[in-house]
Protein backbone atom coordinates (compact mmCIF):
# COMPACT_ATOMS: atom_id res chain seq x y z
CA UNK A 1 103.22 101.30 96.80
CA UNK A 2 103.02 103.48 99.62
CA UNK A 3 99.32 104.08 100.48
CA UNK A 4 96.59 101.55 99.80
CA UNK A 5 95.75 102.48 96.05
CA UNK A 6 91.67 101.65 95.90
CA UNK A 7 90.51 99.25 93.61
CA UNK A 8 87.47 101.15 92.54
CA UNK A 9 89.74 104.31 91.52
CA UNK A 10 91.98 101.80 89.58
CA UNK A 11 88.74 100.65 87.54
CA UNK A 12 87.57 104.04 86.97
CA UNK A 13 90.83 105.07 85.65
CA UNK A 14 90.80 101.93 83.46
CA UNK A 15 87.61 102.93 82.41
CA UNK A 16 85.88 99.51 82.53
CA UNK A 17 83.21 100.66 84.94
CA UNK A 18 81.39 103.77 85.72
CA UNK A 19 81.06 106.18 88.70
CA UNK A 20 77.21 105.11 89.18
CA UNK A 21 78.25 101.20 89.07
CA UNK A 22 81.12 101.72 91.59
CA UNK A 23 78.42 103.59 93.92
CA UNK A 24 75.89 100.87 93.41
CA UNK A 25 78.71 98.29 94.49
CA UNK A 26 80.05 100.50 97.08
CA UNK A 27 76.63 100.54 98.88
CA UNK A 28 76.27 96.79 98.39
CA UNK A 29 79.63 95.88 99.92
CA UNK A 30 78.55 98.38 103.15
CA UNK A 31 75.56 96.51 103.29
CA UNK A 32 76.63 92.90 102.71
CA UNK A 33 80.35 92.81 102.96
CA UNK A 34 82.65 91.14 101.02
CA UNK A 35 85.29 91.98 98.33
CA UNK A 36 84.43 95.08 95.82
CA UNK A 37 86.03 93.03 92.69
CA UNK A 38 83.79 90.05 93.55
CA UNK A 39 80.78 92.34 93.83
CA UNK A 40 81.33 93.88 90.53
CA UNK A 41 81.79 90.90 88.93
CA UNK A 42 78.12 89.33 90.49
CA UNK A 43 76.27 92.57 89.72
CA UNK A 44 77.31 91.97 85.93
CA UNK A 45 79.30 95.14 85.86
CA UNK A 46 82.46 93.62 84.77
CA UNK A 47 83.83 90.11 84.17
CA UNK A 48 86.65 88.31 86.03
CA UNK A 49 89.00 88.22 82.91
CA UNK A 50 88.57 91.95 82.28
CA UNK A 51 88.94 92.64 85.90
CA UNK A 52 92.22 90.98 86.04
CA UNK A 53 93.42 92.72 82.87
CA UNK A 54 92.42 96.22 84.04
CA UNK A 55 94.24 95.72 87.23
CA UNK A 56 97.37 94.12 85.36
CA UNK A 57 97.77 97.05 83.52
CA UNK A 58 96.71 99.88 85.81
CA UNK A 59 99.27 98.18 88.55
CA UNK A 60 102.01 97.11 85.87
CA UNK A 61 102.10 93.54 87.03
CA UNK A 62 101.86 90.33 84.98
CA UNK A 63 98.68 88.22 85.25
CA UNK A 64 98.93 84.17 85.58
CA UNK A 65 97.20 81.41 83.43
CA UNK A 66 97.10 78.28 85.45
CA UNK A 67 96.71 76.17 82.33
CA UNK A 68 99.75 73.46 82.61
CA UNK A 69 101.58 75.80 85.19
CA UNK A 70 103.93 73.76 87.37
CA UNK A 71 104.42 74.64 90.74
CA UNK A 72 107.23 73.50 92.78
CA UNK A 73 106.67 71.63 96.32
CA UNK A 74 109.15 74.16 97.36
CA UNK A 75 107.25 76.88 96.74
CA UNK A 76 104.23 75.43 97.75
CA UNK A 77 105.80 74.95 101.30
CA UNK A 78 106.52 78.72 101.79
CA UNK A 79 103.11 79.14 102.73
CA UNK A 80 100.67 77.17 104.71
CA UNK A 81 97.23 75.84 102.61
CA UNK A 82 95.18 77.24 105.51
CA UNK A 83 96.78 80.84 105.37
CA UNK A 84 96.50 80.81 101.27
CA UNK A 85 93.14 79.65 101.29
CA UNK A 86 91.81 82.54 103.45
CA UNK A 87 94.05 85.12 101.82
CA UNK A 88 93.59 84.15 98.43
CA UNK A 89 97.14 84.05 97.40
CA UNK A 90 99.24 81.18 96.41
CA UNK A 91 103.02 80.68 95.75
CA UNK A 92 103.89 80.06 91.99
CA UNK A 93 107.65 80.33 91.81
CA UNK A 94 110.87 80.49 94.46
CA UNK A 95 114.26 81.24 93.56
CA UNK A 96 116.31 79.99 96.91
CA UNK A 97 119.42 81.60 95.63
CA UNK A 98 117.51 85.07 95.26
CA UNK A 99 115.55 84.65 98.31
CA UNK A 100 112.56 85.69 95.78
CA UNK A 101 109.12 84.22 96.15
CA UNK A 102 106.26 84.56 93.21
CA UNK A 103 103.05 84.76 94.90
CA UNK A 104 99.59 85.00 92.74
CA UNK A 105 97.35 86.83 94.31
CA UNK A 106 93.48 87.99 93.76
CA UNK A 107 94.29 91.06 95.91
CA UNK A 108 97.56 92.39 94.85
CA UNK A 109 96.84 95.59 96.82
CA UNK A 110 96.74 93.99 99.94
CA UNK A 111 99.94 95.25 101.18
CA UNK A 112 99.47 93.76 104.65
CA UNK A 113 99.47 90.33 103.45
CA UNK A 114 102.43 90.57 101.19
CA UNK A 115 104.30 91.89 103.89
CA UNK A 116 103.19 89.24 106.20
CA UNK A 117 104.39 86.69 103.62
CA UNK A 118 107.55 88.41 103.31
CA UNK A 119 108.17 88.57 107.01
CA UNK A 120 107.16 84.87 107.86
CA UNK A 121 109.07 83.22 104.84
CA UNK A 122 112.23 85.83 105.00
CA UNK A 123 112.15 86.30 101.45
CA UNK A 124 111.33 89.20 98.87
CA UNK A 125 107.85 89.08 97.44
CA UNK A 126 106.86 89.72 94.04
CA UNK A 127 103.29 89.71 92.98
CA UNK A 128 101.50 88.36 89.95
CA UNK A 129 97.60 88.83 89.43
CA UNK A 130 94.78 86.12 89.42
CA UNK A 131 91.35 85.95 89.08
CA UNK A 132 89.31 85.14 92.46
CA UNK A 133 87.91 82.06 91.03
CA UNK A 134 90.90 80.77 89.16
CA UNK A 135 93.00 81.49 92.19
CA UNK A 136 90.37 79.17 94.33
CA UNK A 137 90.51 75.93 91.97
CA UNK A 138 94.45 76.56 91.50
CA UNK A 139 94.55 76.76 95.54
CA UNK A 140 92.57 73.36 95.70
CA UNK A 141 94.45 71.57 92.77
CA UNK A 142 97.64 72.32 94.41
CA UNK A 143 97.44 72.19 97.92
CA UNK A 144 94.25 69.67 98.00
CA UNK A 145 94.86 67.60 94.66
CA UNK A 146 91.58 68.19 93.67
CA UNK A 147 90.86 67.76 90.07
CA UNK A 148 88.62 70.73 89.27
CA UNK A 149 87.48 72.23 85.52
CA UNK A 150 90.05 74.71 84.37
CA UNK A 151 89.15 78.23 83.02
CA UNK A 152 92.26 80.34 81.97
CA UNK A 153 92.54 83.84 82.93
CA UNK A 154 93.32 84.58 79.52
CA UNK A 155 92.48 82.26 76.26
CA UNK A 156 95.43 83.55 73.96
CA UNK A 157 98.92 84.86 74.22
CA UNK A 158 99.10 88.01 73.61
CA UNK A 159 103.23 88.61 74.40
CA UNK A 160 104.57 91.37 72.25
CA UNK A 161 101.11 92.75 71.42
CA UNK A 162 100.24 93.74 75.01
CA UNK A 163 101.52 96.36 77.50
CA UNK A 164 104.42 95.12 79.44
CA UNK A 165 101.89 94.89 82.94
CA UNK A 166 99.73 92.48 80.94
CA UNK A 167 101.92 89.92 79.90
CA UNK A 168 101.19 86.35 81.46
CA UNK A 169 102.93 83.89 83.63
CA UNK A 170 102.39 80.46 82.26
CA UNK A 171 104.04 77.03 81.68
CA UNK A 172 105.83 78.81 78.35
CA UNK A 173 107.80 80.90 80.82
CA UNK A 174 111.63 79.13 81.41
CA UNK A 175 111.66 80.80 84.88
CA UNK A 176 108.53 82.68 86.47
CA UNK A 177 111.11 84.57 89.00
CA UNK A 178 113.10 85.83 85.68
CA UNK A 179 109.80 86.91 84.00
CA UNK A 180 108.91 88.96 87.10
CA UNK A 181 112.05 90.27 87.08
CA UNK A 182 112.20 91.48 83.90
CA UNK A 183 108.88 93.27 83.76
CA UNK A 184 110.01 95.15 86.89
CA UNK A 185 113.36 96.29 85.02
CA UNK A 186 111.21 97.11 82.07
CA UNK A 187 108.95 99.08 84.32
CA UNK A 188 111.61 101.00 86.18
CA UNK A 189 113.24 102.14 82.65
CA UNK A 190 109.88 103.41 81.58
CA UNK A 191 109.52 105.57 84.84
CA UNK A 192 112.89 106.77 84.12
CA UNK A 193 112.04 108.04 80.94
CA UNK A 194 108.82 109.44 82.14
CA UNK A 195 110.59 111.31 84.70
CA UNK A 196 113.18 112.45 82.39
CA UNK A 197 110.46 113.90 80.14
CA UNK A 198 108.64 115.82 83.04
CA UNK A 199 111.93 117.50 83.89
CA UNK A 200 112.55 118.87 80.19
CA UNK A 201 109.00 120.04 79.98
CA UNK A 202 109.35 121.57 83.36
CA UNK A 203 112.39 123.27 82.06
CA UNK A 204 111.27 124.20 78.97
CA UNK A 205 108.50 126.07 80.93
CA UNK A 206 105.77 123.78 78.55
CA UNK A 207 104.01 122.46 82.14
CA UNK A 208 104.10 123.98 85.48
CA UNK A 209 104.60 121.79 88.66
CA UNK A 210 100.59 122.74 89.84
CA UNK A 211 99.54 121.45 86.44
CA UNK A 212 101.95 118.38 86.77
CA UNK A 213 100.26 117.54 90.39
CA UNK A 214 96.78 118.22 89.10
CA UNK A 215 97.21 115.58 86.32
CA UNK A 216 98.71 113.13 88.90
CA UNK A 217 95.91 113.48 90.87
CA UNK A 218 93.56 113.10 87.88
CA UNK A 219 91.94 116.26 88.22
């Protein structure tokens, strides 16, 4: 991901909030600070589950269900608990052979944090999405050993009926690392097919480059 994508634009694109709701939330953020996603939830414009699903679909990233999820001590040791709490991230899987760390994040758009983690751990970092409240509970559970009431990010497993980006990472996965890599491979194949389709449409003169650029810009 190059330039940081704006959360509000993603949610508008997903059709889960209106422009007026976004303007109101941005106004509140300007006055009082805080995260835009949290403000939208607090204002009642969107609930955390829908927020996570929308981001999962728009970004093509898996979402995490912490119910029964087993996080290895080796994964946890990669990120200091104070940093995890401050940045709202939780390492959930680690493959030493591939030097790959899977991190659940409430803000998967924060590339600065993800780059910091990659630099400090020496690992490639892959991201999964979790709701802020669910992630706070998980951090308290795994780092501090607190028994907290569980609220799953998603109540039902929707394996084959949902887009690839919306797949959950949960205790039923044999390997979270393998699941994330599988999703990434499928996304690359989809992007390759899309590129071929666009090239064919351009070659046949069915669309122009300018029309394609306008579509990408959402105008």
